[in-house]
Protein backbone atom coordinates (compact mmCIF):
# COMPACT_ATOMS: atom_id res chain seq x y z
CA MET A 1 8.91 -5.36 -0.08
CA ARG A 2 5.80 -6.20 -2.19
CA LYS A 3 4.30 -8.05 0.90
CA ILE A 4 4.85 -4.86 3.05
CA PHE A 5 3.53 -2.39 0.59
CA ILE A 6 -0.13 -3.50 0.64
CA THR A 7 -1.73 -0.59 2.21
CA TYR A 8 -4.90 0.86 0.62
CA LEU A 9 -8.39 0.12 1.93
CA LEU A 10 -12.05 -0.30 0.81
CA LEU A 11 -15.80 -1.22 0.65
CA ALA A 12 -17.55 -4.06 2.47
CA THR A 13 -20.65 -4.34 4.59
CA THR A 14 -20.07 -4.10 8.19
CA ALA A 15 -21.28 -6.90 10.31
CA PRO A 16 -24.28 -6.23 12.37
CA SER A 17 -22.56 -6.99 15.57
CA LEU A 18 -20.13 -4.02 15.12
CA MET A 19 -20.52 -1.22 17.71
CA ALA A 20 -21.63 2.36 16.56
CA GLN A 21 -18.14 3.61 16.61
CA ASP A 22 -17.07 0.92 14.33
CA LYS A 23 -19.80 1.85 11.88
CA LYS A 24 -18.43 5.31 11.75
CA ALA A 25 -15.02 3.95 10.90
CA GLN A 26 -16.76 1.88 8.19
CA ALA A 27 -18.33 4.76 6.75
CA ALA A 28 -14.89 6.71 6.68
CA LEU A 29 -13.48 3.69 4.99
CA ASP A 30 -16.24 3.70 2.34
CA ASP A 31 -15.65 7.33 1.54
CA LEU A 32 -11.96 6.73 1.26
CA ALA A 33 -12.75 3.88 -1.22
CA LYS A 34 -15.25 5.83 -3.29
CA THR A 35 -12.83 8.68 -3.49
CA THR A 36 -9.94 6.53 -4.51
CA GLN A 37 -11.75 4.61 -6.98
CA SER A 38 -12.87 7.76 -8.77
CA TYR A 39 -9.26 8.45 -9.76
CA THR A 40 -7.88 7.37 -12.98
CA THR A 41 -4.39 7.61 -11.80
CA VAL A 42 -2.58 8.21 -8.45
CA ARG A 43 0.98 9.42 -7.67
CA ILE A 44 1.97 9.46 -4.11
CA ASP A 45 5.36 10.75 -2.69
CA PHE A 46 5.87 9.08 0.73
CA SER A 47 8.28 8.65 3.48
CA TYR A 48 8.83 4.92 4.81
CA ARG A 49 10.07 3.94 8.23
CA MET A 50 10.83 0.54 9.30
CA GLU A 51 11.35 0.10 13.20
CA ASN A 52 11.90 -2.73 15.56
CA LYS A 53 13.16 -1.28 18.96
CA ALA A 54 14.31 -4.91 20.28
CA GLN A 55 16.46 -5.47 17.40
CA LYS A 56 17.49 -1.68 17.20
CA ILE A 57 16.33 -1.33 13.74
CA ASN A 58 15.35 2.21 12.41
CA GLU A 59 15.54 2.46 8.62
CA VAL A 60 13.93 5.47 6.92
CA TYR A 61 13.45 6.05 3.07
CA LYS A 62 11.58 8.23 0.71
CA GLY A 63 9.80 6.80 -2.25
CA THR A 64 7.22 7.23 -4.78
CA LEU A 65 4.15 5.23 -5.98
CA ILE A 66 2.44 5.75 -9.32
CA SER A 67 -0.74 3.61 -9.82
CA LYS A 68 -3.01 3.24 -12.70
CA GLY A 69 -5.87 0.55 -12.17
CA ASP A 70 -3.81 -2.68 -11.57
CA LYS A 71 -0.83 -1.13 -12.98
CA TYR A 72 1.77 0.35 -10.55
CA ARG A 73 5.44 1.64 -10.22
CA VAL A 74 7.18 1.79 -6.81
CA GLU A 75 10.46 3.34 -6.22
CA VAL A 76 11.96 3.15 -2.75
CA ALA A 77 15.17 2.04 -0.99
CA GLU A 78 17.19 1.52 -4.19
CA GLN A 79 14.33 -0.69 -5.75
CA VAL A 80 12.15 -0.12 -8.53
CA ILE A 81 9.07 -2.38 -8.52
CA LEU A 82 6.99 -2.45 -11.75
CA SER A 83 3.73 -4.09 -12.84
CA ASP A 84 1.54 -4.11 -15.88
CA GLY A 85 -0.98 -6.01 -13.98
CA LYS A 86 0.12 -9.46 -15.36
CA THR A 87 3.91 -9.32 -14.74
CA VAL A 88 6.02 -8.02 -11.89
CA TRP A 89 9.59 -6.67 -12.26
CA THR A 90 11.68 -6.15 -9.24
CA TYR A 91 14.84 -4.17 -10.09
CA LEU A 92 17.64 -3.97 -7.41
CA GLU A 93 19.82 -1.02 -8.08
CA SER A 94 22.92 -2.21 -5.95
CA ALA A 95 23.10 -5.54 -7.86
CA ASN A 96 21.96 -4.29 -11.22
CA GLU A 97 19.57 -7.27 -11.27
CA VAL A 98 15.83 -7.55 -12.18
CA GLN A 99 13.66 -10.36 -10.92
CA ILE A 100 10.50 -11.32 -13.15
CA SER A 101 7.49 -12.92 -11.75
CA ASN A 102 3.87 -13.32 -12.52
CA SER A 103 1.30 -11.00 -10.62
CA LYS A 104 -0.62 -13.44 -8.45
CA GLY A 105 -3.38 -10.99 -7.57
CA ASP A 106 -2.81 -11.67 -3.77
CA GLU A 107 -0.73 -10.52 -1.10
CA GLU A 108 2.36 -11.18 -3.04
CA GLY A 109 1.33 -8.52 -5.49
CA PHE A 110 0.37 -4.84 -4.94
CA SER A 111 -2.31 -2.94 -6.43
CA PRO A 112 -4.22 -0.05 -4.62
CA THR A 113 -7.46 -0.78 -6.45
CA ARG A 114 -7.05 -4.79 -5.57
CA PHE A 115 -6.56 -4.01 -1.84
CA LEU A 116 -9.31 -1.42 -1.63
CA GLN A 117 -11.70 -4.21 -2.98
CA SER A 118 -10.34 -6.94 -0.72
CA TRP A 119 -9.10 -5.51 2.56
CA SER A 120 -12.45 -6.46 4.43
CA LYS A 121 -11.62 -10.24 4.04
CA ASP A 122 -8.53 -9.58 6.27
CA TYR A 123 -9.23 -6.64 8.62
CA LYS A 124 -12.29 -5.09 10.36
CA PRO A 125 -12.50 -1.51 11.97
CA LYS A 126 -11.95 -1.79 15.78
CA SER A 127 -12.09 2.06 16.74
CA MET A 128 -11.97 5.50 15.29
CA LYS A 129 -11.04 8.92 16.72
CA GLU A 130 -10.45 12.40 15.52
CA ALA A 131 -6.98 14.00 15.46
CA GLY A 132 -6.88 17.35 13.93
CA ALA A 133 -7.56 17.20 10.21
CA ASP A 134 -7.54 13.36 10.46
CA GLN A 135 -9.78 10.37 11.23
CA VAL A 136 -7.59 7.83 12.94
CA ILE A 137 -9.11 4.25 12.35
CA GLU A 138 -7.57 1.14 14.14
CA LEU A 139 -8.09 -2.04 12.08
CA GLN A 140 -7.60 -5.64 13.59
CA PRO A 141 -7.08 -8.84 11.37
CA ILE A 142 -10.22 -11.28 11.14
CA LYS A 143 -7.73 -14.25 10.49
CA LYS A 144 -5.27 -15.47 12.98
CA ASN A 145 -2.55 -15.91 10.37
CA SER A 146 -2.77 -12.33 9.04
CA SER A 147 0.53 -10.65 8.05
CA PHE A 148 -0.21 -7.69 10.47
CA ASN A 149 -1.81 -7.99 13.96
CA ARG A 150 -2.81 -4.26 13.74
CA VAL A 151 -3.18 -1.42 11.33
CA LYS A 152 -3.49 2.32 12.26
CA LEU A 153 -4.91 4.37 9.25
CA CYS A 154 -5.24 8.15 9.23
CA ILE A 155 -7.63 9.65 6.80
CA ASN A 156 -7.74 13.31 5.85
CA LYS A 157 -11.44 14.26 6.62
CA ALA A 158 -11.67 16.90 4.04
CA ARG A 159 -10.03 15.24 1.08
CA LYS A 160 -10.94 11.88 1.87
CA GLN A 161 -7.40 10.60 1.21
CA ILE A 162 -4.84 8.57 3.10
CA SER A 163 -2.37 10.60 5.27
CA SER A 164 -0.50 7.73 6.87
CA ILE A 165 -0.59 4.12 7.54
CA GLN A 166 1.23 1.97 10.25
CA LEU A 167 1.31 -1.69 10.16
CA PHE A 168 2.31 -3.89 13.07
CA ASP A 169 3.42 -7.45 12.98
CA SER A 170 4.09 -10.11 15.58
CA SER A 171 7.88 -9.82 15.30
CA GLY A 172 7.80 -6.30 16.60
CA ASN A 173 8.22 -4.60 13.53
CA THR A 174 6.48 -1.28 12.57
CA PHE A 175 6.07 -0.28 9.14
CA SER A 176 4.95 3.39 8.66
CA TYR A 177 4.14 5.19 5.49
CA ASN A 178 3.53 9.09 5.58
CA VAL A 179 2.10 10.69 2.51
CA LEU A 180 4.12 13.84 1.53
CA LYS A 181 2.31 14.61 -1.66
CA PHE A 182 -0.94 13.06 -3.24
CA ASN A 183 -1.52 13.87 -6.88
CA PRO A 184 -4.58 12.24 -8.52
CA ASN A 185 -5.59 12.06 -12.15
CA GLN A 186 -2.27 13.00 -13.86
CA GLN A 187 -1.32 11.83 -17.36
CA VAL A 188 0.68 8.70 -17.11
CA ALA A 189 2.07 6.60 -19.92
CA ASP A 190 1.64 2.90 -19.68
CA ASN A 191 5.28 2.15 -20.56
CA ILE A 192 6.50 3.42 -17.09
CA PHE A 193 4.65 0.18 -15.70
CA THR A 194 7.17 -2.20 -17.75
CA PHE A 195 10.73 -3.00 -17.39
CA ASP A 196 13.00 -2.07 -20.41
CA PRO A 197 16.38 -3.91 -20.02
CA LYS A 198 17.90 -1.74 -22.68
CA ALA A 199 17.74 1.25 -20.10
CA TYR A 200 19.98 -0.83 -17.78
CA PRO A 201 23.01 -1.98 -19.53
CA GLY A 202 24.39 -5.27 -18.28
CA VAL A 203 21.35 -6.01 -16.14
CA GLU A 204 21.20 -9.53 -14.88
CA VAL A 205 17.70 -11.04 -15.58
CA ILE A 206 16.41 -13.48 -13.24
CA ASP A 207 13.09 -14.94 -14.65
CA MET A 208 11.12 -16.87 -11.90
CA ARG A 209 7.85 -17.21 -13.93
């Protein structure tokens, strides 16, 4: 889940060899980055779909992401994933179990800010088109062993905010996230980013640090 939920993009200098259309895509990504970085907090209500037509998989969930710098809280598919920037707690509701690990600061962890700052090491703009109120940008991986072989990002032109993201992998899986509500700069207490076992009577704790 943490690997899948790496989906916000930012700032880097476009290579001189990119075509003009790619430069427009880069400019849109830069605008998205600047806007996102200006927020102190972000709350996103989203819908999530995982599809694999060959395997007849079509799973749909709704979830919530709350982010504050490197701190985040994700609730989706009977899971609660919390991080204070140093520790990650993954609570599985059906098992009443929490797994504890260190935040590694790479693709095993998730932080919108971190991914915004590092996306260009893994992906580059391929093309951009207009679709109603959105700019639709196709991204392709730079490295052959990237987790996803294609990323489709929709950015609301007026608000400079993400509307949706689709990630495609080599196994035929498509992971889609559609933003239902986007609320920045809300007051958020830091204690929502840490796990309190007292709030979950009988929880099994698995410490993997």
